Amino acid sequence: MENLESLNRLEELNAAGDFVVFKHSPRCSISNIAFDRYQRYLDAIPSGVQTYIVNVLTSREVSLAIAGKYSIRHESPQVLYIRNGICIYTASHSGIDPRIISESVTTS
């Protein structure tokens, strides 16, 4: 997601189903480690759940808008699981555990 038009697409997704957003800064070593772990577990997320990556350096406006929309504090790295327009799971930094993400998605 690179711009607010992409964020508008997110609004459409709220009506369509569940999705996961990973917010990440490629310049941050902690973010890169969390991103690598996240990518290893993408296959565990059910195929009906869309996944999106937001580069907070090039898409800060989108990242901040997501934080505002879902009433969460902006952090990076950060992962959010959105279901029916509500953020039901979020984690940041070393708290990002792809296994918990995939469990949250498959059991919700």
N, C-alpha and C. Protein backbone atom coordinates (compact mmCIF):
# COMPACT_ATOMS: atom_id res chain seq x y z
N MET A 1 0.84 -1.17 0.00
CA MET A 1 0.00 0.00 0.00
C MET A 1 0.89 1.22 0.00
N GLU A 2 0.77 2.00 -1.03
CA GLU A 2 1.70 3.12 -1.17
C GLU A 2 1.07 4.49 -0.99
N ASN A 3 -0.24 4.62 -1.08
CA ASN A 3 -0.84 5.94 -0.98
C ASN A 3 -2.24 5.85 -0.39
N LEU A 4 -2.88 7.01 -0.23
CA LEU A 4 -4.20 7.01 0.38
C LEU A 4 -5.24 6.36 -0.51
N GLU A 5 -4.99 6.31 -1.80
CA GLU A 5 -5.89 5.57 -2.68
C GLU A 5 -5.88 4.09 -2.28
N SER A 6 -4.70 3.60 -1.95
CA SER A 6 -4.58 2.23 -1.46
C SER A 6 -5.34 2.06 -0.16
N LEU A 7 -5.30 3.09 0.67
CA LEU A 7 -6.03 3.03 1.93
C LEU A 7 -7.53 2.97 1.67
N ASN A 8 -7.99 3.67 0.64
CA ASN A 8 -9.40 3.59 0.27
C ASN A 8 -9.76 2.17 -0.13
N ARG A 9 -8.84 1.47 -0.76
CA ARG A 9 -9.04 0.06 -1.12
C ARG A 9 -9.21 -0.76 0.15
N LEU A 10 -8.47 -0.39 1.18
CA LEU A 10 -8.60 -1.05 2.47
C LEU A 10 -10.02 -0.92 3.00
N GLU A 11 -10.61 0.25 2.80
CA GLU A 11 -12.00 0.47 3.23
C GLU A 11 -12.92 -0.54 2.55
N GLU A 12 -12.69 -0.78 1.28
CA GLU A 12 -13.49 -1.75 0.55
C GLU A 12 -13.28 -3.15 1.11
N LEU A 13 -12.05 -3.45 1.50
CA LEU A 13 -11.75 -4.77 2.05
C LEU A 13 -12.47 -5.01 3.37
N ASN A 14 -12.68 -3.94 4.13
CA ASN A 14 -13.38 -4.10 5.40
C ASN A 14 -14.73 -4.78 5.20
N ALA A 15 -15.39 -4.44 4.11
CA ALA A 15 -16.69 -5.04 3.83
C ALA A 15 -16.54 -6.45 3.27
N ALA A 16 -15.39 -6.72 2.65
CA ALA A 16 -15.20 -7.99 1.96
C ALA A 16 -14.67 -9.11 2.85
N GLY A 17 -14.02 -8.79 3.96
CA GLY A 17 -13.50 -9.86 4.80
C GLY A 17 -12.30 -9.46 5.62
N ASP A 18 -11.49 -10.45 5.95
CA ASP A 18 -10.34 -10.27 6.84
C ASP A 18 -9.08 -9.93 6.06
N PHE A 19 -8.16 -9.21 6.72
CA PHE A 19 -6.86 -8.99 6.11
C PHE A 19 -5.82 -8.69 7.19
N VAL A 20 -4.57 -8.89 6.81
CA VAL A 20 -3.43 -8.66 7.69
C VAL A 20 -2.58 -7.57 7.06
N VAL A 21 -2.13 -6.62 7.89
CA VAL A 21 -1.25 -5.55 7.42
C VAL A 21 0.04 -5.65 8.22
N PHE A 22 1.17 -5.64 7.51
CA PHE A 22 2.47 -5.60 8.17
C PHE A 22 3.09 -4.25 7.83
N LYS A 23 3.33 -3.42 8.86
CA LYS A 23 3.96 -2.11 8.67
C LYS A 23 5.44 -2.27 9.01
N HIS A 24 6.28 -1.77 8.10
CA HIS A 24 7.70 -2.07 8.27
C HIS A 24 8.59 -1.00 7.68
N SER A 25 9.75 -0.81 8.31
CA SER A 25 10.76 0.13 7.85
C SER A 25 11.98 -0.66 7.39
N PRO A 26 12.27 -0.63 6.09
CA PRO A 26 13.42 -1.40 5.59
C PRO A 26 14.77 -0.91 6.13
N ARG A 27 14.82 0.26 6.75
CA ARG A 27 16.08 0.78 7.30
C ARG A 27 16.34 0.31 8.73
N CYS A 28 15.35 -0.33 9.33
CA CYS A 28 15.46 -0.73 10.74
C CYS A 28 15.79 -2.21 10.85
N SER A 29 16.85 -2.53 11.57
CA SER A 29 17.25 -3.94 11.68
C SER A 29 16.19 -4.77 12.42
N ILE A 30 15.56 -4.22 13.45
CA ILE A 30 14.50 -4.95 14.16
C ILE A 30 13.33 -5.22 13.23
N SER A 31 12.99 -4.21 12.43
CA SER A 31 11.90 -4.37 11.48
C SER A 31 12.23 -5.43 10.44
N ASN A 32 13.46 -5.46 9.97
CA ASN A 32 13.87 -6.46 8.98
C ASN A 32 13.81 -7.88 9.56
N ILE A 33 14.21 -8.04 10.80
CA ILE A 33 14.14 -9.36 11.45
C ILE A 33 12.68 -9.79 11.58
N ALA A 34 11.82 -8.88 12.05
CA ALA A 34 10.39 -9.20 12.20
C ALA A 34 9.77 -9.51 10.85
N PHE A 35 10.16 -8.77 9.82
CA PHE A 35 9.63 -8.99 8.47
C PHE A 35 10.04 -10.36 7.94
N ASP A 36 11.27 -10.75 8.16
CA ASP A 36 11.73 -12.08 7.74
C ASP A 36 10.92 -13.18 8.42
N ARG A 37 10.72 -13.04 9.74
CA ARG A 37 9.91 -14.03 10.47
C ARG A 37 8.48 -14.06 9.93
N TYR A 38 7.92 -12.91 9.70
CA TYR A 38 6.55 -12.80 9.18
C TYR A 38 6.43 -13.51 7.83
N GLN A 39 7.38 -13.27 6.94
CA GLN A 39 7.32 -13.87 5.61
C GLN A 39 7.39 -15.40 5.66
N ARG A 40 8.12 -15.94 6.62
CA ARG A 40 8.23 -17.40 6.73
C ARG A 40 6.90 -18.06 7.07
N TYR A 41 6.00 -17.33 7.70
CA TYR A 41 4.74 -17.91 8.13
C TYR A 41 3.55 -17.49 7.28
N LEU A 42 3.79 -16.78 6.18
CA LEU A 42 2.68 -16.35 5.34
C LEU A 42 1.85 -17.51 4.82
N ASP A 43 2.49 -18.64 4.56
CA ASP A 43 1.76 -19.80 4.05
C ASP A 43 0.76 -20.35 5.07
N ALA A 44 0.96 -20.05 6.35
CA ALA A 44 0.06 -20.54 7.38
C ALA A 44 -1.24 -19.72 7.45
N ILE A 45 -1.23 -18.56 6.84
CA ILE A 45 -2.44 -17.73 6.83
C ILE A 45 -3.37 -18.26 5.75
N PRO A 46 -4.63 -18.49 6.08
CA PRO A 46 -5.57 -19.05 5.10
C PRO A 46 -5.64 -18.21 3.82
N SER A 47 -5.87 -18.88 2.71
CA SER A 47 -5.83 -18.21 1.41
C SER A 47 -6.89 -17.12 1.26
N GLY A 48 -7.98 -17.16 2.01
CA GLY A 48 -9.02 -16.14 1.90
C GLY A 48 -8.67 -14.84 2.60
N VAL A 49 -7.58 -14.82 3.35
CA VAL A 49 -7.18 -13.63 4.10
C VAL A 49 -6.08 -12.91 3.32
N GLN A 50 -6.39 -11.69 2.88
CA GLN A 50 -5.41 -10.90 2.14
C GLN A 50 -4.33 -10.40 3.08
N THR A 51 -3.11 -10.24 2.56
CA THR A 51 -2.01 -9.68 3.34
C THR A 51 -1.43 -8.48 2.60
N TYR A 52 -1.07 -7.46 3.36
CA TYR A 52 -0.54 -6.22 2.78
C TYR A 52 0.68 -5.78 3.56
N ILE A 53 1.60 -5.15 2.86
CA ILE A 53 2.80 -4.61 3.47
C ILE A 53 2.80 -3.10 3.25
N VAL A 54 3.06 -2.36 4.31
CA VAL A 54 3.16 -0.90 4.22
C VAL A 54 4.59 -0.52 4.61
N ASN A 55 5.30 0.09 3.68
CA ASN A 55 6.63 0.62 3.95
C ASN A 55 6.42 1.98 4.63
N VAL A 56 6.75 2.08 5.91
CA VAL A 56 6.47 3.31 6.65
C VAL A 56 7.35 4.48 6.22
N LEU A 57 8.41 4.21 5.49
CA LEU A 57 9.26 5.30 5.01
C LEU A 57 8.64 5.97 3.77
N THR A 58 8.16 5.16 2.86
CA THR A 58 7.60 5.72 1.62
C THR A 58 6.09 5.93 1.70
N SER A 59 5.45 5.36 2.71
CA SER A 59 3.99 5.46 2.82
C SER A 59 3.58 5.83 4.24
N ARG A 60 4.27 6.79 4.80
CA ARG A 60 3.99 7.20 6.19
C ARG A 60 2.55 7.67 6.36
N GLU A 61 2.04 8.39 5.38
CA GLU A 61 0.67 8.90 5.43
C GLU A 61 -0.33 7.74 5.57
N VAL A 62 -0.09 6.68 4.82
CA VAL A 62 -0.95 5.50 4.89
C VAL A 62 -0.81 4.84 6.26
N SER A 63 0.41 4.70 6.72
CA SER A 63 0.66 4.07 8.01
C SER A 63 -0.05 4.82 9.14
N LEU A 64 0.05 6.13 9.13
CA LEU A 64 -0.60 6.93 10.16
C LEU A 64 -2.12 6.87 10.04
N ALA A 65 -2.62 6.85 8.81
CA ALA A 65 -4.06 6.75 8.60
C ALA A 65 -4.60 5.41 9.12
N ILE A 66 -3.84 4.34 8.92
CA ILE A 66 -4.24 3.03 9.44
C ILE A 66 -4.30 3.07 10.96
N ALA A 67 -3.29 3.66 11.58
CA ALA A 67 -3.27 3.76 13.04
C ALA A 67 -4.49 4.54 13.53
N GLY A 68 -4.81 5.63 12.86
CA GLY A 68 -5.97 6.42 13.25
C GLY A 68 -7.28 5.68 13.04
N LYS A 69 -7.41 5.03 11.91
CA LYS A 69 -8.65 4.33 11.59
C LYS A 69 -8.96 3.23 12.60
N TYR A 70 -7.94 2.49 13.00
CA TYR A 70 -8.16 1.36 13.89
C TYR A 70 -7.83 1.67 15.35
N SER A 71 -7.63 2.96 15.65
CA SER A 71 -7.40 3.43 17.02
C SER A 71 -6.26 2.69 17.72
N ILE A 72 -5.15 2.58 17.00
CA ILE A 72 -3.96 1.95 17.58
C ILE A 72 -2.81 2.93 17.50
N ARG A 73 -1.81 2.73 18.30
CA ARG A 73 -0.62 3.56 18.25
C ARG A 73 0.24 3.15 17.07
N HIS A 74 0.73 4.12 16.31
CA HIS A 74 1.61 3.82 15.18
C HIS A 74 2.95 3.31 15.70
N GLU A 75 3.35 2.15 15.19
CA GLU A 75 4.66 1.60 15.51
C GLU A 75 5.20 0.91 14.27
N SER A 76 6.48 0.67 14.29
CA SER A 76 7.11 -0.06 13.19
C SER A 76 8.33 -0.79 13.76
N PRO A 77 8.38 -2.08 13.52
CA PRO A 77 7.44 -2.90 12.78
C PRO A 77 6.16 -3.13 13.58
N GLN A 78 5.09 -3.41 12.84
CA GLN A 78 3.81 -3.65 13.48
C GLN A 78 2.96 -4.52 12.57
N VAL A 79 2.21 -5.41 13.16
CA VAL A 79 1.29 -6.24 12.38
C VAL A 79 -0.11 -6.06 12.96
N LEU A 80 -1.09 -6.04 12.07
CA LEU A 80 -2.49 -5.90 12.47
C LEU A 80 -3.31 -6.96 11.75
N TYR A 81 -4.26 -7.53 12.47
CA TYR A 81 -5.22 -8.43 11.84
C TYR A 81 -6.57 -7.75 11.96
N ILE A 82 -7.17 -7.46 10.81
CA ILE A 82 -8.44 -6.75 10.75
C ILE A 82 -9.54 -7.73 10.37
N ARG A 83 -10.59 -7.75 11.15
CA ARG A 83 -11.75 -8.60 10.87
C ARG A 83 -13.00 -7.74 10.98
N ASN A 84 -13.77 -7.73 9.91
CA ASN A 84 -15.03 -6.96 9.87
C ASN A 84 -14.82 -5.51 10.29
N GLY A 85 -13.72 -4.92 9.83
CA GLY A 85 -13.45 -3.52 10.10
C GLY A 85 -12.91 -3.21 11.48
N ILE A 86 -12.57 -4.24 12.26
CA ILE A 86 -12.06 -4.03 13.61
C ILE A 86 -10.70 -4.71 13.72
N CYS A 87 -9.75 -4.01 14.32
CA CYS A 87 -8.43 -4.60 14.56
C CYS A 87 -8.56 -5.52 15.78
N ILE A 88 -8.49 -6.82 15.53
CA ILE A 88 -8.65 -7.77 16.64
C ILE A 88 -7.32 -8.30 17.17
N TYR A 89 -6.24 -7.99 16.46
CA TYR A 89 -4.92 -8.41 16.93
C TYR A 89 -3.90 -7.41 16.42
N THR A 90 -3.02 -6.98 17.28
CA THR A 90 -1.89 -6.15 16.86
C THR A 90 -0.69 -6.48 17.74
N ALA A 91 0.47 -6.39 17.14
CA ALA A 91 1.72 -6.61 17.88
C ALA A 91 2.81 -5.77 17.21
N SER A 92 3.83 -5.46 17.96
CA SER A 92 4.93 -4.69 17.38
C SER A 92 6.26 -5.19 17.92
N HIS A 93 7.30 -4.80 17.20
CA HIS A 93 8.68 -5.11 17.55
C HIS A 93 8.88 -6.59 17.85
N SER A 94 9.50 -6.91 18.98
CA SER A 94 9.79 -8.32 19.27
C SER A 94 8.54 -9.10 19.66
N GLY A 95 7.42 -8.41 19.85
CA GLY A 95 6.16 -9.08 20.16
C GLY A 95 5.51 -9.70 18.93
N ILE A 96 6.05 -9.42 17.75
CA ILE A 96 5.49 -9.99 16.53
C ILE A 96 5.88 -11.46 16.44
N ASP A 97 4.89 -12.30 16.52
CA ASP A 97 5.11 -13.75 16.45
C ASP A 97 4.20 -14.30 15.35
N PRO A 98 4.76 -14.65 14.22
CA PRO A 98 3.94 -15.13 13.09
C PRO A 98 3.05 -16.31 13.44
N ARG A 99 3.48 -17.14 14.36
CA ARG A 99 2.64 -18.28 14.75
C ARG A 99 1.36 -17.80 15.42
N ILE A 100 1.49 -16.78 16.25
CA ILE A 100 0.30 -16.23 16.92
C ILE A 100 -0.60 -15.56 15.88
N ILE A 101 0.00 -14.88 14.92
CA ILE A 101 -0.79 -14.25 13.86
C ILE A 101 -1.60 -15.31 13.13
N SER A 102 -0.93 -16.37 12.70
CA SER A 102 -1.65 -17.40 11.94
C SER A 102 -2.68 -18.11 12.81
N GLU A 103 -2.40 -18.29 14.10
CA GLU A 103 -3.39 -18.88 15.01
C GLU A 103 -4.59 -17.96 15.18
N SER A 104 -4.33 -16.66 15.31
CA SER A 104 -5.42 -15.70 15.46
C SER A 104 -6.31 -15.70 14.24
N VAL A 105 -5.69 -15.76 13.07
CA VAL A 105 -6.44 -15.73 11.82
C VAL A 105 -7.26 -17.00 11.66
N THR A 106 -6.68 -18.15 11.97
CA THR A 106 -7.38 -19.41 11.71
C THR A 106 -8.42 -19.74 12.78
N THR A 107 -8.31 -19.17 13.98
CA THR A 107 -9.28 -19.49 15.04
C THR A 107 -10.33 -18.42 15.23
N SER A 108 -10.20 -17.28 14.59
CA SER A 108 -11.17 -16.19 14.78
C SER A 108 -12.40 -16.42 13.97
